[in-house]
Protein backbone atom coordinates (compact mmCIF):
# COMPACT_ATOMS: atom_id res chain seq x y z
CA MET A 1 105.47 55.96 320.11
CA SER A 2 102.89 54.27 322.21
CA THR A 3 99.18 54.81 321.56
CA ALA A 4 97.73 52.72 324.58
CA GLY A 5 94.62 54.34 325.88
CA CYS A 6 94.84 57.14 323.34
CA ILE A 7 92.20 56.45 320.79
CA GLU A 8 89.73 59.14 322.29
CA LYS A 9 92.79 61.66 322.31
CA ILE A 10 93.74 60.88 318.73
CA PHE A 11 90.24 61.14 317.32
CA PRO A 12 88.30 63.51 319.51
CA ARG A 13 86.38 65.06 316.65
CA THR A 14 85.50 61.84 314.78
CA LEU A 15 84.36 60.23 318.02
CA SER A 16 82.35 63.18 319.27
CA HIS A 17 79.93 62.42 316.37
CA SER A 18 77.41 59.85 317.55
CA VAL A 19 77.35 57.83 314.38
CA ALA A 20 81.12 57.19 314.58
CA ALA A 21 81.12 56.76 318.21
CA ASP A 22 78.27 54.15 318.10
CA LEU A 23 79.94 52.26 315.32
CA PHE A 24 83.09 52.10 317.12
CA SER A 25 81.32 50.86 320.35
CA GLU A 26 79.42 48.21 318.46
CA ARG A 27 81.79 46.86 315.92
CA GLY A 28 85.14 48.43 316.73
CA ASN A 29 88.10 46.62 318.09
CA ARG A 30 89.74 48.90 320.69
CA GLU A 31 92.76 46.62 321.31
CA ALA A 32 93.54 46.55 317.59
CA PHE A 33 92.95 50.37 317.01
CA GLU A 34 95.19 51.03 320.18
CA LYS A 35 97.93 49.06 318.28
CA GLU A 36 97.33 50.50 314.87
CA PRO A 37 95.29 53.74 315.12
CA GLU A 38 96.04 54.48 311.52
CA LYS A 39 93.56 51.69 310.55
CA PHE A 40 90.66 53.58 312.23
CA ALA A 41 90.07 55.62 309.06
CA GLU A 42 90.17 52.64 306.82
CA PHE A 43 87.69 50.93 309.24
CA LEU A 44 85.16 53.97 308.81
CA ARG A 45 85.77 54.18 304.96
CA GLU A 46 84.75 50.58 304.75
CA ASN A 47 81.38 51.25 306.68
CA PHE A 48 80.81 54.56 305.07
CA PRO A 49 82.13 54.47 301.47
CA TYR A 50 82.26 57.70 299.47
CA PRO A 51 79.97 59.34 298.51
CA SER A 52 77.63 58.35 301.30
CA ALA A 53 76.65 61.25 303.63
CA MET A 54 78.85 59.91 306.43
CA ALA A 55 81.89 59.27 304.30
CA PHE A 56 83.36 62.56 305.84
CA LEU A 57 84.00 60.78 308.97
CA ALA A 58 86.76 58.66 307.38
CA ASP A 59 88.41 61.66 305.97
CA LEU A 60 88.18 63.33 309.49
CA ALA A 61 89.78 60.50 311.17
CA ALA A 62 92.53 60.33 308.68
CA VAL A 63 93.42 64.03 309.20
CA GLU A 64 93.19 63.63 312.97
CA TYR A 65 95.61 60.76 312.85
CA ALA A 66 97.90 62.93 310.74
CA CYS A 67 97.73 65.91 313.39
CA TRP A 68 98.37 63.43 316.23
CA SER A 69 101.38 61.80 314.53
CA VAL A 70 102.86 65.23 313.64
CA GLU A 71 102.40 66.40 317.29
CA HIS A 72 104.22 63.28 318.58
CA MET A 73 107.10 63.02 316.06
CA GLU A 74 110.46 63.17 317.36
CA ARG A 75 112.16 64.47 314.31
CA GLN A 76 113.76 67.98 314.52
CA PHE A 77 113.65 70.74 312.05
CA SER A 78 116.96 71.04 310.24
CA ARG A 79 117.44 73.65 307.53
CA PRO A 80 119.57 72.70 304.52
CA ALA A 81 122.85 74.57 303.84
CA HIS A 82 121.60 75.32 300.42
CA GLY A 83 118.38 74.94 298.40
CA ALA A 84 115.11 73.62 300.17
CA VAL A 85 113.50 70.53 301.67
CA ILE A 86 110.04 69.41 302.51
CA ASN A 87 109.25 70.09 306.09
CA PRO A 88 109.99 66.64 307.93
CA LEU A 89 106.95 67.33 310.12
CA LEU A 90 104.47 67.26 307.15
CA ARG A 91 101.86 64.70 306.49
CA ILE A 92 99.80 64.69 303.21
CA VAL A 93 96.29 63.18 303.38
CA LEU A 94 94.07 62.32 300.33
CA VAL A 95 90.50 63.13 301.06
CA ASN A 96 87.07 63.24 299.23
CA ASN A 97 85.48 65.86 301.60
CA ASP A 98 86.55 69.21 302.91
CA VAL A 99 87.10 68.60 306.62
CA THR A 100 89.51 71.36 307.29
CA PRO A 101 87.03 73.82 308.62
CA PHE A 102 86.42 71.53 311.56
CA PHE A 103 90.02 72.05 312.70
CA SER A 104 89.29 75.68 313.49
CA GLU A 105 88.61 76.60 317.07
CA GLY A 106 84.99 76.41 318.14
CA LYS A 107 83.84 74.72 314.91
CA THR A 108 81.19 71.89 315.52
CA LEU A 109 80.84 68.90 313.40
CA PRO A 110 78.11 69.08 310.58
CA ALA A 111 74.95 67.06 309.99
CA PRO A 112 75.02 64.60 307.24
CA GLY A 113 75.23 66.11 303.80
CA GLU A 114 76.60 69.51 305.09
CA VAL A 115 80.23 68.83 304.36
CA GLU A 116 81.53 70.25 301.04
CA PRO A 117 83.00 67.59 298.59
CA TYR A 118 86.63 68.08 297.80
CA GLU A 119 88.75 65.64 296.04
CA GLY A 120 92.30 66.53 296.77
CA PHE A 121 94.98 66.69 299.47
CA VAL A 122 95.03 68.03 303.11
CA LEU A 123 98.32 69.09 304.46
CA VAL A 124 99.21 68.69 308.14
CA TRP A 125 102.38 70.22 309.44
CA LYS A 126 104.12 71.98 312.32
CA GLY A 127 105.54 75.49 311.59
CA PRO A 128 109.25 75.55 312.08
CA GLU A 129 109.17 78.96 313.85
CA SER A 130 106.00 79.07 315.75
CA GLY A 131 105.72 75.23 316.46
CA ARG A 132 101.99 75.57 315.63
CA LEU A 133 99.99 72.82 314.01
CA TYR A 134 98.52 73.65 310.62
CA VAL A 135 95.76 71.94 308.82
CA GLU A 136 94.96 73.25 305.21
CA LYS A 137 93.88 72.16 301.91
CA ALA A 138 96.90 71.86 299.47
CA ASP A 139 96.71 74.64 296.83
CA GLU A 140 98.53 74.31 293.34
CA GLU A 141 101.63 76.09 294.44
CA MET A 142 102.01 73.68 297.45
CA LEU A 143 101.62 70.61 295.30
CA LEU A 144 104.00 71.93 292.73
CA ALA A 145 106.80 72.72 295.12
CA LEU A 146 106.37 69.37 296.85
CA LYS A 147 106.54 67.44 293.58
CA PHE A 148 109.52 69.22 292.54
CA LEU A 149 111.48 68.79 295.90
CA SER A 150 110.43 65.09 296.01
CA GLU A 151 112.06 64.28 292.42
CA GLU A 152 115.54 63.01 292.80
CA GLU A 153 116.91 65.00 289.77
CA PRO A 154 114.36 67.60 288.49
CA CYS A 155 115.49 69.45 285.45
CA LEU A 156 113.75 72.70 284.85
CA ARG A 157 114.72 75.79 283.00
CA GLY A 158 113.21 79.10 282.07
CA HIS A 159 109.70 79.98 283.02
CA GLU A 160 109.02 76.59 284.47
CA LEU A 161 111.97 76.98 286.90
CA LYS A 162 110.86 80.61 287.79
CA VAL A 163 107.43 79.30 288.55
CA VAL A 164 108.67 76.43 290.78
CA ASN A 165 111.16 78.84 292.66
CA GLN A 166 108.16 81.25 293.39
CA ALA A 167 106.12 78.12 294.69
CA ILE A 168 109.08 77.10 296.89
CA ASP A 169 109.33 80.76 298.29
CA TYR A 170 105.63 80.60 299.08
CA CYS A 171 105.74 77.23 300.76
CA ALA A 172 108.78 78.36 302.64
CA ARG A 173 106.79 81.38 304.02
CA GLU A 174 103.99 78.82 304.97
CA GLY A 175 106.38 76.41 306.76
CA VAL A 176 105.52 73.51 304.32
CA VAL A 177 108.96 73.80 303.05
CA LEU A 178 112.20 74.48 304.80
CA LYS A 179 114.78 76.80 302.84
CA ALA A 180 118.47 77.41 303.55
CA PRO A 181 118.69 80.55 305.62
CA TYR A 182 118.95 83.82 303.50
CA LEU A 183 122.38 85.01 303.74
CA VAL A 184 121.39 88.66 302.53
CA SER A 185 120.69 89.48 306.07
CA ARG A 186 121.39 92.55 308.20
CA ALA A 187 121.74 90.56 311.28
CA ARG A 188 124.24 88.10 309.82
CA GLN A 189 126.27 90.92 308.41
CA GLY A 190 126.42 92.98 311.56
CA LEU A 191 124.50 95.84 310.02
CA PRO A 192 122.26 98.46 311.94
CA GLU A 193 118.65 97.07 312.33
CA GLY A 194 116.87 99.84 314.15
CA GLU A 195 114.20 99.31 316.85
CA ASN A 196 110.72 97.56 316.76
CA ILE A 197 110.98 96.98 313.01
CA PRO A 198 109.36 93.80 311.66
CA LYS A 199 111.91 91.02 311.02
CA ARG A 200 110.84 90.64 307.53
CA TYR A 201 112.72 93.95 306.63
CA ALA A 202 116.16 92.56 308.02
CA THR A 203 116.54 89.66 305.64
CA ALA A 204 115.96 89.62 301.89
CA SER A 205 114.83 86.64 299.76
CA VAL A 206 115.48 88.28 296.47
CA PHE A 207 118.54 89.96 295.12
CA THR A 208 118.25 92.52 292.30
CA LEU A 209 120.68 93.23 289.64
CA GLN A 210 119.89 96.53 287.85
CA TRP A 211 121.80 95.93 284.67
CA HIS A 212 122.52 98.98 282.55
CA ILE A 213 123.55 97.04 279.32
CA THR A 214 124.07 100.11 277.34
CA ASN A 215 124.23 103.96 277.69
CA ALA A 216 122.82 104.39 274.16
CA CYS A 217 119.56 106.17 274.45
CA ASP A 218 117.01 107.72 272.15
CA LEU A 219 116.39 110.57 274.67
CA HIS A 220 118.77 113.34 276.18
CA CYS A 221 116.90 114.25 279.31
CA ARG A 222 118.00 117.37 281.35
CA HIS A 223 118.59 115.51 284.51
CA CYS A 224 120.49 112.39 283.04
CA TYR A 225 123.20 111.23 285.64
CA ASP A 226 125.37 109.36 283.17
CA ARG A 227 125.90 110.21 279.43
CA GLU A 228 129.53 108.81 279.41
CA LYS A 229 130.47 106.74 276.48
CA ARG A 230 131.15 103.57 278.16
CA SER A 231 132.47 100.53 276.27
CA PRO A 232 129.64 97.86 276.14
CA LEU A 233 130.24 94.30 277.15
CA THR A 234 130.23 91.69 274.43
CA ALA A 235 127.49 89.05 274.32
CA GLU A 236 129.91 86.34 275.61
CA GLU A 237 130.83 88.57 278.60
CA GLY A 238 127.16 89.00 279.12
CA PHE A 239 126.52 85.23 279.34
CA ARG A 240 129.26 84.81 281.77
CA ILE A 241 127.83 87.57 283.90
CA ILE A 242 124.58 85.88 283.91
CA ASP A 243 126.15 82.56 285.04
CA ASP A 244 128.13 84.21 287.77
CA PHE A 245 124.94 86.01 289.09
CA ASP A 246 123.33 82.62 289.17
CA ARG A 247 126.02 81.24 291.22
CA PHE A 248 126.06 84.27 293.54
CA CYS A 249 122.44 83.95 294.23
CA ARG A 250 122.64 80.20 294.91
CA ASP A 251 125.55 80.83 297.30
CA MET A 252 123.43 83.49 299.10
CA ASN A 253 120.30 81.31 299.05
CA VAL A 254 118.30 84.06 297.39
CA ARG A 255 116.36 84.18 294.24
CA GLY A 256 117.75 86.55 291.54
CA HIS A 257 116.03 89.31 289.71
CA ILE A 258 117.46 91.24 286.90
CA CYS A 259 116.05 94.59 285.80
CA PHE A 260 117.33 95.39 282.32
CA SER A 261 117.87 98.97 281.73
CA GLY A 262 120.08 101.51 280.06
CA GLY A 263 120.06 104.09 278.44
CA ASN A 264 117.44 102.28 276.39
CA PRO A 265 118.16 98.48 276.74
CA PHE A 266 116.53 97.82 273.49
CA MET A 267 119.26 99.64 271.74
CA SER A 268 121.96 97.14 272.76
CA PRO A 269 122.55 94.65 270.04
CA HIS A 270 122.75 91.80 272.57
CA PHE A 271 119.59 92.76 274.59
CA TYR A 272 117.26 90.00 273.38
CA ARG A 273 120.03 87.25 273.66
CA LEU A 274 120.82 88.33 277.16
CA TYR A 275 117.15 88.64 278.22
CA GLU A 276 116.65 85.14 276.98
CA ALA A 277 119.72 83.63 278.82
CA ALA A 278 118.49 85.34 282.02
CA ALA A 279 115.04 83.97 281.55
CA GLU A 280 116.58 80.40 281.02
CA LYS A 281 118.05 80.70 284.51
CA GLY A 282 114.52 81.45 286.06
CA PHE A 283 115.47 84.88 287.23
CA GLY A 284 112.70 87.38 287.91
CA LEU A 285 112.87 89.85 285.03
CA SER A 286 111.89 93.54 284.71
CA LEU A 287 112.48 96.28 282.28
CA LEU A 288 113.33 100.00 282.93
CA GLY A 289 113.41 101.98 279.80
CA ASN A 290 111.75 104.08 277.15
CA PRO A 291 108.53 103.13 275.31
CA VAL A 292 109.10 100.74 272.38
CA SER A 293 106.95 99.48 269.48
CA GLU A 294 104.45 96.67 269.84
CA GLU A 295 106.74 94.42 267.77
CA GLU A 296 109.81 95.04 270.07
CA LEU A 297 107.46 94.48 273.19
CA GLN A 298 106.12 91.31 271.84
CA CYS A 299 109.49 89.92 271.25
CA VAL A 300 110.29 90.13 274.82
CA ILE A 301 106.92 88.67 275.95
CA ASP A 302 107.44 85.87 273.56
CA ILE A 303 110.70 85.07 275.34
CA SER A 304 109.54 85.52 278.87
CA THR A 305 106.80 87.99 280.27
CA PRO A 306 108.59 90.49 282.46
CA GLU A 307 107.20 91.12 286.00
CA TYR A 308 106.66 94.86 284.99
CA PHE A 309 107.87 97.39 282.56
CA GLN A 310 108.78 100.82 284.10
CA VAL A 311 108.77 104.09 282.31
CA SER A 312 109.37 107.68 283.34
CA LEU A 313 107.45 110.84 283.39
CA GLU A 314 108.56 114.12 284.95
CA GLY A 315 105.23 115.98 285.48
CA LEU A 316 102.35 117.26 283.26
CA GLU A 317 102.90 117.37 279.58
CA ALA A 318 104.56 120.68 279.07
CA HIS A 319 107.08 120.16 281.80
CA ASN A 320 107.82 116.55 281.03
CA ASP A 321 108.52 117.32 277.28
CA PHE A 322 110.85 120.15 278.44
CA ILE A 323 112.87 117.67 280.41
CA ARG A 324 112.67 114.49 278.34
CA GLY A 325 111.80 115.94 274.77
CA GLU A 326 108.95 117.09 272.66
CA GLY A 327 106.16 114.52 272.32
CA PHE A 328 107.44 112.13 274.99
CA TYR A 329 104.47 112.64 277.24
CA ARG A 330 102.13 111.34 274.60
CA ARG A 331 104.57 108.43 273.80
CA VAL A 332 104.38 107.27 277.35
CA MET A 333 100.59 107.56 277.58
CA ASP A 334 100.24 105.55 274.36
CA PHE A 335 102.66 103.06 275.61
CA LEU A 336 100.87 102.49 278.87
CA ALA A 337 97.90 101.66 277.02
CA LEU A 338 99.94 99.10 275.03
CA LEU A 339 101.18 97.47 278.10
CA LYS A 340 97.57 97.34 279.48
CA LYS A 341 96.42 95.83 276.24
CA LYS A 342 99.17 93.17 276.61
CA GLN A 343 98.25 92.81 280.26
CA LEU A 344 101.79 93.44 281.21
CA PRO A 345 102.02 95.38 284.59
CA SER A 346 103.40 98.90 284.27
CA ALA A 347 105.10 101.26 286.65
CA VAL A 348 105.70 104.98 286.18
CA MET A 349 108.65 106.73 287.86
CA LEU A 350 109.07 110.56 288.41
CA THR A 351 112.24 112.47 289.41
CA LEU A 352 111.22 114.97 291.96
CA THR A 353 112.73 118.40 291.65
CA LYS A 354 111.85 122.01 292.78
CA ALA A 355 110.19 122.66 289.37
CA ASN A 356 107.79 119.70 289.39
CA ILE A 357 106.91 119.05 293.02
CA ASP A 358 103.42 120.78 292.38
CA GLN A 359 102.68 118.51 289.50
CA VAL A 360 103.14 115.04 291.21
CA LEU A 361 99.62 114.71 292.55
CA PRO A 362 97.79 116.00 289.43
CA LEU A 363 99.82 113.50 287.47
CA ALA A 364 99.01 110.70 289.93
CA ASP A 365 95.26 111.43 289.28
CA ILE A 366 95.76 111.32 285.48
CA LEU A 367 97.54 107.92 285.89
CA ARG A 368 94.99 106.45 288.20
CA GLU A 369 93.44 104.12 285.45
CA LYS A 370 96.52 104.08 283.08
CA THR A 371 99.29 102.38 285.15
CA ASP A 372 99.59 99.85 287.99
CA TYR A 373 102.04 101.88 290.12
CA PHE A 374 103.33 105.43 290.39
CA THR A 375 105.92 106.81 292.50
CA PHE A 376 108.89 109.15 292.67
CA ASN A 377 112.63 109.45 293.55
CA ARG A 378 114.26 112.79 294.72
CA LEU A 379 116.69 114.19 292.16
CA SER A 380 120.24 113.10 292.42
CA GLN A 381 122.26 116.26 291.47
CA VAL A 382 124.97 114.37 289.48
CA GLY A 383 125.78 114.47 285.91
CA GLU A 384 123.36 116.73 283.92
CA GLY A 385 121.07 116.68 286.90
CA ALA A 386 123.45 119.04 288.78
CA SER A 387 122.00 121.97 286.98
CA LEU A 388 118.52 121.31 288.38
CA SER A 389 117.34 122.08 291.87
CA LEU A 390 115.63 120.15 294.64
CA PRO A 391 112.64 121.59 296.66
CA GLU A 392 113.33 123.29 299.97
CA CYS A 393 113.34 120.92 302.93
CA GLY A 394 110.11 122.44 304.54
CA ARG A 395 108.33 122.23 301.09
CA PHE A 396 109.30 118.64 300.74
CA ARG A 397 108.04 117.71 304.21
CA SER A 398 104.74 119.34 303.54
CA PHE A 399 104.63 117.47 300.30
CA LEU A 400 105.15 114.07 301.87
CA ASP A 401 101.98 114.84 303.94
CA SER A 402 99.97 115.79 300.83
CA TYR A 403 101.11 112.61 299.09
CA THR A 404 100.23 110.40 301.98
CA ARG A 405 96.67 111.73 302.12
CA ALA A 406 96.27 111.37 298.45
CA ALA A 407 97.56 107.88 298.31
CA ARG A 408 94.83 106.73 300.60
CA THR A 409 92.38 107.12 297.80
CA ASN A 410 94.61 106.68 294.78
CA PRO A 411 95.43 102.84 294.40
CA VAL A 412 98.27 103.50 291.99
CA ALA A 413 100.32 106.18 294.15
CA GLY A 414 103.10 104.14 295.70
CA PHE A 415 105.69 104.75 298.39
CA LYS A 416 109.50 104.65 297.71
CA ASP A 417 111.20 107.45 299.53
CA ASN A 418 112.47 106.17 302.75
CA LEU A 419 111.52 109.23 304.65
CA PHE A 420 107.83 108.32 304.47
CA ASN A 421 108.59 105.91 307.26
CA ILE A 422 109.12 108.96 309.61
CA LEU A 423 105.54 109.96 308.89
CA ARG A 424 104.27 106.38 309.26
CA GLU A 425 105.91 106.18 312.73
CA GLN A 426 104.29 109.58 313.79
CA GLU A 427 100.90 108.29 312.72
CA GLY A 428 101.37 105.09 314.39
CA VAL A 429 101.27 103.10 311.07
CA SER A 430 103.56 100.09 310.58
CA PRO A 431 106.52 100.85 308.28
CA PHE A 432 106.88 100.00 304.74
CA GLY A 433 110.03 98.59 302.96
CA GLY A 434 111.40 101.98 301.82
CA CYS A 435 113.44 102.27 298.51
CA THR A 436 114.46 98.73 297.82
CA GLY A 437 112.09 96.91 300.20
CA PHE A 438 114.89 97.11 302.92
CA GLY A 439 115.33 100.96 303.38
CA CYS A 440 118.43 102.04 301.52
CA GLY A 441 119.43 98.65 299.80
CA ALA A 442 122.78 99.93 298.25
CA ALA A 443 125.01 96.88 298.03
CA PHE A 444 122.60 95.18 300.29
CA ASN A 445 119.90 93.50 298.32
CA PHE A 446 120.73 95.60 295.19
CA VAL A 447 123.53 96.46 292.91
CA ALA A 448 123.83 98.19 289.56
CA LEU A 449 125.96 96.97 286.75
CA LEU A 450 127.10 99.52 284.23
CA PRO A 451 127.79 98.81 280.45
CA ASP A 452 131.53 98.52 280.87
CA GLY A 453 131.39 96.02 283.95
CA GLU A 454 131.61 98.60 286.76
CA VAL A 455 129.37 97.61 289.63
CA HIS A 456 128.00 100.28 291.63
CA ALA A 457 126.07 100.26 295.17
CA CYS A 458 123.55 102.58 293.55
CA ARG A 459 123.10 103.93 289.99
CA LYS A 460 121.96 107.20 291.00
CA PHE A 461 125.39 108.49 292.00
CA PRO A 462 128.98 107.37 291.70
CA SER A 463 129.30 104.44 294.06
CA PRO A 464 131.91 101.91 292.54
CA ILE A 465 132.40 98.66 294.51
CA GLY A 466 134.20 96.67 291.74
CA ASN A 467 134.30 95.52 288.24
CA ILE A 468 132.69 92.25 287.06
CA LEU A 469 135.19 91.85 284.48
CA GLU A 470 138.01 91.62 287.18
CA SER A 471 136.17 89.96 289.81
CA ASP A 472 132.85 87.90 290.61
CA PHE A 473 129.68 89.03 292.32
CA GLY A 474 130.49 87.12 295.57
CA THR A 475 133.83 88.85 295.90
CA ILE A 476 132.50 92.23 295.01
CA TYR A 477 129.65 91.86 297.54
CA GLU A 478 132.00 90.97 300.33
CA SER A 479 134.47 93.82 299.44
CA PRO A 480 135.26 96.57 301.90
CA GLU A 481 133.73 99.21 299.59
CA ALA A 482 130.44 97.31 299.31
CA LYS A 483 130.35 96.83 303.18
CA ARG A 484 130.75 100.55 303.65
CA TYR A 485 127.90 101.32 301.44
CA ARG A 486 125.75 98.69 303.30
CA MET A 487 126.59 100.20 306.66
CA GLY A 488 125.34 103.62 305.37
CA PRO A 489 125.64 107.00 306.83
CA GLU A 490 127.20 107.08 310.27
CA PRO A 491 124.60 109.21 311.91
CA CYS A 492 122.03 106.58 310.88
CA LYS A 493 123.56 103.64 312.60
CA GLU A 494 121.74 104.15 315.81
CA CYS A 495 118.41 105.40 314.37
CA ARG A 496 115.37 103.44 315.39
CA LEU A 497 114.12 103.26 311.77
CA ARG A 498 117.49 102.12 310.06
CA THR A 499 116.29 98.98 308.70
CA VAL A 500 113.60 100.67 306.59
CA CYS A 501 115.32 104.02 306.07
CA GLY A 502 118.92 105.27 305.97
CA GLY A 503 117.69 108.36 304.01
CA CYS A 504 119.00 108.70 300.20
CA MET A 505 122.77 108.59 299.87
CA ALA A 506 122.56 109.77 296.19
CA VAL A 507 120.76 112.91 297.43
CA VAL A 508 123.56 113.46 300.09
CA HIS A 509 126.27 113.10 297.56
CA GLY A 510 124.32 115.27 295.00
CA MET A 511 124.23 118.15 297.73
CA GLY A 512 127.99 118.04 298.06
CA LEU A 513 128.00 116.13 301.30
CA ASP A 514 129.71 112.86 302.28
CA PRO A 515 127.19 109.98 302.21
CA PHE A 516 129.11 108.07 304.77
CA ARG A 517 129.50 110.90 307.22
CA ASP A 518 126.52 112.98 306.68
CA LYS A 519 122.77 112.03 306.90
CA ASP A 520 120.13 112.87 304.59
CA PRO A 521 119.46 116.75 304.78
CA TYR A 522 115.84 116.12 304.36
CA CYS A 523 115.42 113.89 307.44
CA PHE A 524 112.90 115.36 309.90
CA ILE A 525 112.90 112.51 312.59
CA ASP A 526 112.27 113.75 316.12
CA GLY A 527 111.48 117.27 314.47
CA GLN A 528 114.83 117.60 313.11
């Protein structure tokens, strides 16, 4: 690329400083710099060696040249079929001073001595989607991802691999790295997308396997949806499942997350071995179960700290213990204190019924300083939960209003029910991700694996889509049964909120309706 007559265009900020301009006029060689503009920074560095007050001019010139070269590069963005690559329109500049602020619009150059020292790297790149030029200091995650991707045969496992994958995901969002397109995508699969919904809700970068490794449980809750005696998998079958899930996630270009659950997952004789095998793959990990001892919790942390540990409460103490067993409320409160002591994020889930709807907000207040996150699911009237009742539709609608108001001042009150997005639309507030981050994510970015190998679209109601002992995750995911659950209820297909809603198919089923033909009876969009 020709640079003739371009010196002032390449270095407008540097040459706007009188010291640099005077030096260039007196001792510079325009013809030489026209041919090799990259040497201008070296020229300034020789005349203003670090740490002199004017040394920042050399760093400024080096970054300006990187900007110009990126803007004039003829290379095209090309995403890989799998994995990730460094953005070809990226330049890395080693500097001794923080000159990034002077690439902000309207920022004037400083007087000598006003520039902050910064011994590190500045990244200059063009965004793959926006085409915009970015100039930023490289943070630790950026450097980690770039180092990993620049190595010919990196070999990481376990926690290190997880950290690197998270760094790559972060860099991909910033545009420093180009990742293969995520294939867990509503657009790619021809699924309903709704209207005016942010595109981030149509494509998932993480796929979650909720693995119920055992139905054995130390409780007998009155709303339990599955007390069947299912034959548990062997440890060897579990290892093969982890390998297959890893292949599936790689094929779909997503990061895998395994939520170990049950029953009580700690009651499986293979739990620790399977948890460790999943950690070795670099999966995100979480736990959904009952309180355990400090020793049991520490065993998990020693393998790999989970992203969170979720427990359940069904209301205030008397009602909770009526549903889950005497003394359970205190057990949970003590366990939340233990999780806080271990600095392990906690979540509390409540199953919403007619009997406890008035206890949700008082419980949320109690949990304000005790957990990191609290939310609820509506009761699925299956299994033993068929003997309990849901609140009336009108009562539920007013409850959503009250919960929304309370959540404004309660930092732990979270949103999960998809129908909150109807309220948010009415209030002119942008939508949230709904139940699984993508509305109803049944068989989309989420599946449930039962102890005997059955794979279900959603754990809260019978929704079988295959058996992992007879097939693999890829085949099950592409099965007609899975696609049917992904498509969701027929009445929701044309809904403008479909991407972040779809109601709750488990509620529909539990009320004796057809989850494919009937929409959520609690839906109140457009006043319905």
